Amino acid sequence: MEILFVSHKFPPSVGGMEKQSFELVTGMERYCRVHRIVFEGKGSILMFFLGLKREILRTCKAHPNITVIHFNDALLATICLHHKGYEHLKRTVTLHGLDVVFPSEFYRKRIFPKFNKFDLFIAVSRATADRAIGLGINPDKIIVINNGVDNEPLHLNQHSQSTREVLGKYAVPTDRPLLVAVGRPVKRKGFSWFIREVVPRLDPRFFVLLIGPFDNHPGFFERLLSLVPGKLRERIMLFLGFGSDAASIRSLLADHQFNKSVKHLGRLSYEDKTMILQSSDAFIMPNIHVDGDMEGFGLVCLEASMAGALVFAADIDGIPDAIRNGKNGFLLPSQDAEVWAAKLNQLIANKEIVNNNREAFRAFTIANYSWDKMVKAYYSALCE
């Protein structure tokens, strides 16, 4: 079997979709012959999209044994929906989450139902599959294959710096229990909600760290977007993955009530982020409901578990496909500040919660999630 993979989410860009795309494409090379058309950050993304039909036809002509074209997200599927010249090939699509809830009536009612022209849909979680079926996708054409995670256990002795040195570098107190969150500052991640609603209820000894792309001051594009009408601005932010929660986080961090217990470290190196996760008392993923957006899977939870962090995550969207309650983390009701605070406060009262579960939860993640397991499932589905 020969497969052509098409993706505009690919390294050197960093993110969950980019990681999944890279692991899928490179992993599949172990099982069959693979061709790729991916955007690697060179040139214009607009020109990449405009040239897709020509590039797909050229690749298929040069490699006539290609039998499957896999589009690795629904945006690409939308752009290629009306292409002519390769309809005889099987066409498959990965659905990640935002793909199926993007807040556009035109997209949901006029475009998405036409996706049934494709032969197979692979949803990254049950929640994503259910949303797609609700929008008109033939349930016989959709299956669920969870994302994987790098499943080599990590150990502190792999690192050249001590934990104290890393924390000191970022002026993080070493004598306070740490709660760590990782991700882009988008509203569905619930970062500003957690600071505003949960932090005041936490034991004051806790220190909360946010890690991920973040600007301490609004940039030109953010200031430009502020001039755009509300609903249109929200759609642009969702489409571009823009930091829709960044302004709220900045405002909270400027408040004396919070800035002694919460800090945003911005982007960190992989090593520093891993060491901070390993030294944390818990990793938190306090997602909330946002119309037109959803967490397709929750890959960052698995990455935190692999780093040895004890995961507490919201029981919402596709996160329960990544975190099995009591197996590799704890699921808490979304937007219930009292429950979140009570559960986290137990970590100080009972250190055994961390010590007894950390290794067991990581072992469950290793046993049940891997990129190779994901790739094998894709290979089996595409063979069929």
Protein backbone atom coordinates (compact mmCIF):
# COMPACT_ATOMS: atom_id res chain seq x y z
CA MET A 1 0.00 0.00 0.00
CA GLU A 2 1.16 3.53 -0.82
CA ILE A 3 -0.30 6.52 1.05
CA LEU A 4 -0.09 10.24 0.38
CA PHE A 5 -0.29 12.32 3.56
CA VAL A 6 -1.33 15.96 3.29
CA SER A 7 -0.91 18.26 6.28
CA HIS A 8 -0.41 21.95 6.96
CA LYS A 9 0.38 21.20 10.63
CA PHE A 10 3.94 19.95 10.75
CA PRO A 11 7.27 20.77 12.41
CA PRO A 12 9.08 23.09 12.84
CA SER A 13 5.78 24.54 14.11
CA VAL A 14 5.07 23.31 17.63
CA GLY A 15 1.77 22.01 18.95
CA GLY A 16 -0.33 18.93 19.55
CA MET A 17 -1.54 18.67 15.95
CA GLU A 18 1.96 19.18 14.61
CA LYS A 19 3.29 16.43 16.89
CA GLN A 20 0.51 14.01 15.91
CA SER A 21 1.05 14.73 12.23
CA PHE A 22 4.79 14.18 12.45
CA GLU A 23 4.45 10.91 14.38
CA LEU A 24 1.77 9.61 12.02
CA VAL A 25 3.66 10.37 8.82
CA THR A 26 7.08 9.21 9.98
CA GLY A 27 5.67 6.24 11.89
CA MET A 28 3.71 4.97 8.91
CA GLU A 29 6.96 4.72 6.94
CA ARG A 30 7.73 1.60 8.98
CA TYR A 31 4.70 -0.20 7.54
CA CYS A 32 4.22 0.99 3.96
CA ARG A 33 5.46 3.41 1.33
CA VAL A 34 4.67 6.98 2.27
CA HIS A 35 4.56 10.21 0.29
CA ARG A 36 3.98 13.57 1.91
CA ILE A 37 2.81 17.05 1.05
CA VAL A 38 3.32 19.06 4.24
CA PHE A 39 3.82 22.70 5.11
CA GLU A 40 7.17 23.02 6.85
CA GLY A 41 7.06 26.76 7.43
CA LYS A 42 8.78 27.73 4.19
CA GLY A 43 7.02 30.33 2.11
CA SER A 44 3.39 31.36 2.44
CA ILE A 45 0.73 29.11 4.00
CA LEU A 46 -1.77 30.71 1.61
CA MET A 47 0.30 29.65 -1.40
CA PHE A 48 0.57 26.16 0.09
CA PHE A 49 -3.22 25.92 0.17
CA LEU A 50 -3.65 27.41 -3.31
CA GLY A 51 -1.15 24.99 -4.79
CA LEU A 52 -2.50 21.85 -3.14
CA LYS A 53 -4.53 20.53 -6.06
CA ARG A 54 -1.64 20.89 -8.47
CA GLU A 55 0.80 19.29 -6.03
CA ILE A 56 -1.53 16.38 -5.24
CA LEU A 57 -2.11 15.65 -8.92
CA ARG A 58 1.62 15.88 -9.64
CA THR A 59 2.47 13.49 -6.80
CA CYS A 60 -0.21 10.97 -7.80
CA LYS A 61 0.97 11.02 -11.41
CA ALA A 62 4.58 10.49 -10.36
CA HIS A 63 3.57 7.63 -8.03
CA PRO A 64 0.66 5.75 -9.66
CA ASN A 65 0.57 3.11 -6.90
CA ILE A 66 -0.84 5.57 -4.39
CA THR A 67 -4.23 4.23 -3.29
CA VAL A 68 -5.05 6.44 -0.28
CA ILE A 69 -4.82 10.20 0.29
CA HIS A 70 -5.04 11.14 3.95
CA PHE A 71 -5.89 14.72 4.93
CA ASN A 72 -4.77 15.21 8.51
CA ASP A 73 -7.40 17.76 9.51
CA ALA A 74 -10.78 19.03 8.35
CA LEU A 75 -9.48 22.41 7.16
CA LEU A 76 -7.45 20.65 4.49
CA ALA A 77 -10.45 18.45 3.74
CA THR A 78 -12.57 21.56 3.22
CA ILE A 79 -10.06 23.11 0.84
CA CYS A 80 -9.73 19.87 -1.13
CA LEU A 81 -13.43 18.95 -1.05
CA HIS A 82 -14.12 19.98 -4.64
CA HIS A 83 -10.81 18.99 -6.23
CA LYS A 84 -11.13 17.06 -9.47
CA GLY A 85 -8.74 14.51 -10.88
CA TYR A 86 -8.14 12.09 -8.01
CA GLU A 87 -11.68 11.09 -6.96
CA HIS A 88 -10.88 7.46 -7.85
CA LEU A 89 -8.52 7.23 -4.86
CA LYS A 90 -9.65 6.56 -1.31
CA ARG A 91 -9.70 9.79 0.70
CA THR A 92 -9.52 9.81 4.50
CA VAL A 93 -9.58 12.59 7.10
CA THR A 94 -8.48 13.02 10.73
CA LEU A 95 -10.89 15.05 12.89
CA HIS A 96 -9.23 16.80 15.83
CA GLY A 97 -11.95 18.74 17.64
CA LEU A 98 -12.21 22.34 16.50
CA ASP A 99 -12.74 20.80 13.05
CA VAL A 100 -16.29 19.86 14.03
CA VAL A 101 -17.36 22.74 16.29
CA PHE A 102 -16.00 25.78 14.42
CA PRO A 103 -18.63 28.51 15.06
CA SER A 104 -19.86 29.08 11.52
CA GLU A 105 -23.39 28.12 10.52
CA PHE A 106 -22.32 28.08 6.88
CA TYR A 107 -19.50 25.66 7.63
CA ARG A 108 -21.61 23.37 9.82
CA LYS A 109 -24.72 23.28 7.62
CA ARG A 110 -23.38 23.74 4.09
CA ILE A 111 -19.81 22.39 4.06
CA PHE A 112 -19.43 19.76 6.76
CA PRO A 113 -22.28 17.47 5.60
CA LYS A 114 -20.59 17.29 2.18
CA PHE A 115 -17.66 15.56 3.85
CA ASN A 116 -19.53 12.29 3.34
CA LYS A 117 -17.86 12.30 -0.08
CA PHE A 118 -14.78 11.10 1.77
CA ASP A 119 -14.33 7.41 2.52
CA LEU A 120 -13.25 7.35 6.17
CA PHE A 121 -13.01 9.70 9.15
CA ILE A 122 -10.66 9.07 12.05
CA ALA A 123 -11.66 11.03 15.15
CA VAL A 124 -9.09 11.52 17.90
CA SER A 125 -11.70 10.97 20.62
CA ARG A 126 -15.21 9.65 21.14
CA ALA A 127 -16.46 13.17 21.88
CA THR A 128 -15.11 14.40 18.53
CA ALA A 129 -16.74 11.48 16.70
CA ASP A 130 -20.10 12.13 18.38
CA ARG A 131 -19.99 15.81 17.42
CA ALA A 132 -19.20 14.91 13.81
CA ILE A 133 -22.06 12.41 13.64
CA GLY A 134 -24.35 15.06 15.09
CA LEU A 135 -23.41 17.33 12.20
CA GLY A 136 -24.33 14.75 9.59
CA ILE A 137 -21.29 12.52 9.09
CA ASN A 138 -22.30 8.95 8.26
CA PRO A 139 -21.60 6.98 11.47
CA ASP A 140 -20.53 3.99 9.37
CA LYS A 141 -17.65 6.09 8.03
CA ILE A 142 -16.16 7.20 11.34
CA ILE A 143 -13.87 5.43 13.80
CA VAL A 144 -11.95 6.59 16.87
CA ILE A 145 -8.17 6.32 17.15
CA ASN A 146 -6.64 8.10 20.13
CA ASN A 147 -3.41 10.03 19.81
CA GLY A 148 -0.24 8.60 21.32
CA VAL A 149 2.58 9.99 23.40
CA ASP A 150 6.34 9.53 23.61
CA ASN A 151 6.38 6.54 25.94
CA GLU A 152 9.99 6.39 27.04
CA PRO A 153 10.03 7.06 30.79
CA LEU A 154 11.94 10.20 31.74
CA HIS A 155 14.26 10.44 34.73
CA LEU A 156 15.77 13.42 36.49
CA ASN A 157 19.29 12.05 36.09
CA GLN A 158 19.00 12.59 32.34
CA HIS A 159 19.25 16.32 32.92
CA SER A 160 22.33 18.45 33.31
CA GLN A 161 20.75 20.89 35.80
CA SER A 162 19.23 20.31 39.21
CA THR A 163 15.57 21.05 39.81
CA ARG A 164 16.51 23.83 42.22
CA GLU A 165 18.68 25.47 39.52
CA VAL A 166 15.85 25.36 36.98
CA LEU A 167 13.29 26.82 39.39
CA GLY A 168 15.78 29.45 40.48
CA LYS A 169 16.40 30.49 36.88
CA TYR A 170 12.72 31.49 36.60
CA ALA A 171 12.44 32.93 40.13
CA VAL A 172 10.04 30.18 41.18
CA PRO A 173 9.98 29.47 44.93
CA THR A 174 11.43 26.09 45.82
CA ASP A 175 9.69 25.80 49.18
CA ARG A 176 6.08 25.88 47.95
CA PRO A 177 3.94 23.09 46.41
CA LEU A 178 3.70 23.61 42.64
CA LEU A 179 0.65 23.33 40.38
CA VAL A 180 1.61 23.45 36.70
CA ALA A 181 -0.48 24.06 33.57
CA VAL A 182 0.83 23.89 30.01
CA GLY A 183 -0.76 25.17 26.81
CA ARG A 184 -1.71 28.10 24.64
CA PRO A 185 -3.71 30.87 26.36
CA VAL A 186 -7.02 30.07 24.66
CA LYS A 187 -10.29 30.33 26.55
CA ARG A 188 -11.19 26.63 26.46
CA LYS A 189 -8.03 25.83 28.48
CA GLY A 190 -9.64 27.57 31.45
CA PHE A 191 -6.49 29.26 32.72
CA SER A 192 -8.09 32.60 33.61
CA TRP A 193 -11.08 30.77 35.11
CA PHE A 194 -8.77 28.74 37.34
CA ILE A 195 -6.86 31.82 38.53
CA ARG A 196 -10.01 33.81 39.21
CA GLU A 197 -12.22 31.08 40.72
CA VAL A 198 -9.97 28.36 42.14
CA VAL A 199 -6.79 30.08 43.32
CA PRO A 200 -8.59 32.10 46.06
CA ARG A 201 -9.93 28.80 47.44
CA LEU A 202 -6.56 27.02 47.43
CA ASP A 203 -4.23 26.57 50.38
CA PRO A 204 -2.09 29.76 50.24
CA ARG A 205 1.07 27.66 50.18
CA PHE A 206 0.37 26.59 46.56
CA PHE A 207 2.21 28.30 43.71
CA VAL A 208 0.67 28.06 40.23
CA LEU A 209 2.87 28.05 37.10
CA LEU A 210 1.62 28.54 33.56
CA ILE A 211 3.87 27.39 30.70
CA GLY A 212 3.40 28.01 26.99
CA PRO A 213 3.38 30.78 24.38
CA PHE A 214 2.46 34.07 26.04
CA ASP A 215 3.21 37.75 25.55
CA ASN A 216 3.37 40.00 28.59
CA HIS A 217 2.12 42.86 26.44
CA PRO A 218 -0.39 42.81 23.55
CA GLY A 219 1.33 42.63 20.18
CA PHE A 220 0.41 44.41 16.97
CA PHE A 221 -1.91 41.67 15.73
CA GLU A 222 -3.76 41.49 19.04
CA ARG A 223 -4.26 45.26 19.04
CA LEU A 224 -5.46 45.03 15.44
CA LEU A 225 -7.94 42.29 16.31
CA SER A 226 -9.37 44.42 19.10
CA LEU A 227 -10.82 46.65 16.37
CA VAL A 228 -12.71 43.74 14.78
CA PRO A 229 -16.35 43.16 15.82
CA GLY A 230 -16.79 40.57 18.59
CA LYS A 231 -18.11 37.45 16.83
CA LEU A 232 -15.84 37.86 13.84
CA ARG A 233 -12.86 38.43 16.16
CA GLU A 234 -13.65 35.22 18.05
CA ARG A 235 -13.83 33.22 14.81
CA ILE A 236 -10.52 34.62 13.59
CA MET A 237 -8.92 33.77 16.94
CA LEU A 238 -10.27 30.22 16.83
CA PHE A 239 -9.22 29.70 13.23
CA LEU A 240 -5.68 30.94 13.89
CA GLY A 241 -5.34 29.35 17.35
CA PHE A 242 -4.79 32.85 18.71
CA GLY A 243 -4.47 33.50 22.46
CA SER A 244 -8.07 34.46 23.19
CA ASP A 245 -7.48 34.23 26.96
CA ALA A 246 -4.21 36.18 27.00
CA ALA A 247 -5.72 39.57 27.88
CA SER A 248 -7.66 38.11 30.83
CA ILE A 249 -4.57 36.31 32.11
CA ARG A 250 -2.50 39.50 31.89
CA SER A 251 -5.13 41.41 33.85
CA LEU A 252 -5.22 38.78 36.60
CA LEU A 253 -1.43 38.58 36.84
CA ALA A 254 -1.32 42.34 37.34
CA ASP A 255 -3.66 41.98 40.33
CA HIS A 256 -1.91 41.90 43.70
CA GLN A 257 -4.43 39.27 44.85
CA PHE A 258 -2.99 36.76 42.40
CA ASN A 259 0.54 37.68 41.36
CA LYS A 260 2.11 36.33 44.56
CA SER A 261 0.68 32.88 43.87
CA VAL A 262 0.59 32.68 40.05
CA LYS A 263 3.29 33.18 37.44
CA HIS A 264 3.44 32.71 33.67
CA LEU A 265 6.85 31.49 32.49
CA GLY A 266 6.14 31.70 28.74
CA ARG A 267 7.79 29.19 26.40
CA LEU A 268 10.37 26.92 27.98
CA SER A 269 12.87 24.45 26.64
CA TYR A 270 11.75 20.83 26.64
CA GLU A 271 14.25 20.00 29.38
CA ASP A 272 13.20 22.83 31.69
CA LYS A 273 9.51 22.12 31.19
CA THR A 274 10.02 18.42 31.93
CA MET A 275 11.98 19.10 35.09
CA ILE A 276 9.32 21.50 36.36
CA LEU A 277 6.60 18.92 35.66
CA GLN A 278 8.61 16.27 37.48
CA SER A 279 9.02 18.52 40.52
CA SER A 280 5.36 19.58 40.59
CA ASP A 281 2.74 18.37 43.03
CA ALA A 282 0.19 18.28 40.21
CA PHE A 283 -0.43 19.08 36.58
CA ILE A 284 -3.74 20.84 36.01
CA MET A 285 -5.88 21.04 32.88
CA PRO A 286 -8.96 23.02 33.98
CA ASN A 287 -10.76 23.21 30.62
CA ILE A 288 -14.11 24.97 30.36
CA HIS A 289 -16.92 24.96 27.82
CA VAL A 290 -16.56 27.51 25.02
CA ASP A 291 -19.12 27.70 22.22
CA GLY A 292 -17.50 26.84 18.90
CA ASP A 293 -14.39 25.27 20.44
CA MET A 294 -13.44 22.00 22.10
CA GLU A 295 -10.48 19.98 23.30
CA GLY A 296 -10.27 17.17 20.79
CA PHE A 297 -8.13 14.85 22.90
CA GLY A 298 -5.84 16.32 25.57
CA LEU A 299 -2.38 15.20 24.46
CA VAL A 300 -0.67 17.53 26.94
CA CYS A 301 -2.19 15.47 29.79
CA LEU A 302 -0.41 12.37 28.54
CA GLU A 303 2.85 14.27 28.13
CA ALA A 304 2.56 15.50 31.71
CA SER A 305 1.82 11.99 32.94
CA MET A 306 4.87 10.67 31.11
CA ALA A 307 6.98 13.34 32.80
CA GLY A 308 5.82 11.98 36.14
CA ALA A 309 3.29 14.67 37.04
CA LEU A 310 0.04 13.79 38.81
CA VAL A 311 -2.70 14.90 36.41
CA PHE A 312 -5.94 16.64 37.39
CA ALA A 313 -8.08 17.40 34.34
CA ALA A 314 -11.59 18.61 33.53
CA ASP A 315 -14.07 15.91 32.58
CA ILE A 316 -15.04 17.57 29.33
CA ASP A 317 -14.76 17.13 25.53
CA GLY A 318 -12.13 14.59 24.45
CA ILE A 319 -10.05 14.72 27.64
CA PRO A 320 -11.59 11.50 29.09
CA ASP A 321 -10.10 9.62 26.11
CA ALA A 322 -6.65 10.66 27.35
CA ILE A 323 -7.16 10.52 31.11
CA ARG A 324 -8.94 7.52 32.64
CA ASN A 325 -10.14 8.55 36.07
CA GLY A 326 -8.14 6.84 38.78
CA LYS A 327 -5.92 5.09 36.20
CA ASN A 328 -3.57 7.78 34.91
CA GLY A 329 -5.04 10.89 36.50
CA PHE A 330 -8.13 12.37 38.11
CA LEU A 331 -11.10 13.81 36.22
CA LEU A 332 -12.90 16.69 37.91
CA PRO A 333 -16.16 18.43 36.91
CA SER A 334 -15.51 21.37 34.62
CA GLN A 335 -16.03 24.82 36.15
CA ASP A 336 -16.73 23.51 39.65
CA ALA A 337 -14.28 25.62 41.63
CA GLU A 338 -15.21 24.11 45.00
CA VAL A 339 -14.44 20.56 43.87
CA TRP A 340 -11.20 21.59 42.18
CA ALA A 341 -9.96 23.44 45.24
CA ALA A 342 -10.97 20.66 47.64
CA LYS A 343 -9.27 17.95 45.57
CA LEU A 344 -6.04 19.93 45.14
CA ASN A 345 -5.93 20.96 48.79
CA GLN A 346 -5.86 17.26 49.68
CA LEU A 347 -2.37 17.13 48.14
CA ILE A 348 -1.00 19.20 51.01
CA ALA A 349 -2.97 17.36 53.66
CA ASN A 350 -2.06 13.93 52.28
CA LYS A 351 1.25 13.71 50.40
CA GLU A 352 0.60 9.99 49.85
CA ILE A 353 -1.80 10.91 47.04
CA VAL A 354 1.18 12.10 45.03
CA ASN A 355 3.69 9.50 46.16
CA ASN A 356 1.41 6.49 45.73
CA ASN A 357 -0.08 7.41 42.36
CA ARG A 358 2.69 9.10 40.39
CA GLU A 359 4.46 5.95 39.15
CA ALA A 360 1.30 3.84 38.82
CA PHE A 361 -0.38 6.49 36.68
CA ARG A 362 2.68 6.86 34.47
CA ALA A 363 2.85 3.07 34.04
CA PHE A 364 -0.78 3.03 32.87
CA THR A 365 -0.03 5.77 30.32
CA ILE A 366 3.00 3.87 29.02
CA ALA A 367 0.99 0.65 28.68
CA ASN A 368 -2.01 2.16 26.93
CA TYR A 369 -0.78 5.09 24.81
CA SER A 370 2.03 5.19 22.30
CA TRP A 371 2.61 6.69 18.89
CA ASP A 372 3.31 3.25 17.46
CA LYS A 373 -0.02 1.97 18.74
CA MET A 374 -1.73 4.92 17.05
CA VAL A 375 0.16 4.35 13.78
CA LYS A 376 -0.71 0.63 13.73
CA ALA A 377 -4.38 1.48 14.21
CA TYR A 378 -4.24 3.97 11.31
CA TYR A 379 -2.46 1.40 9.15
CA SER A 380 -5.10 -1.23 9.86
CA ALA A 381 -7.94 1.20 9.14
CA LEU A 382 -6.38 2.43 5.88
CA CYS A 383 -5.68 -1.15 4.72
CA GLU A 384 -9.35 -1.96 5.18
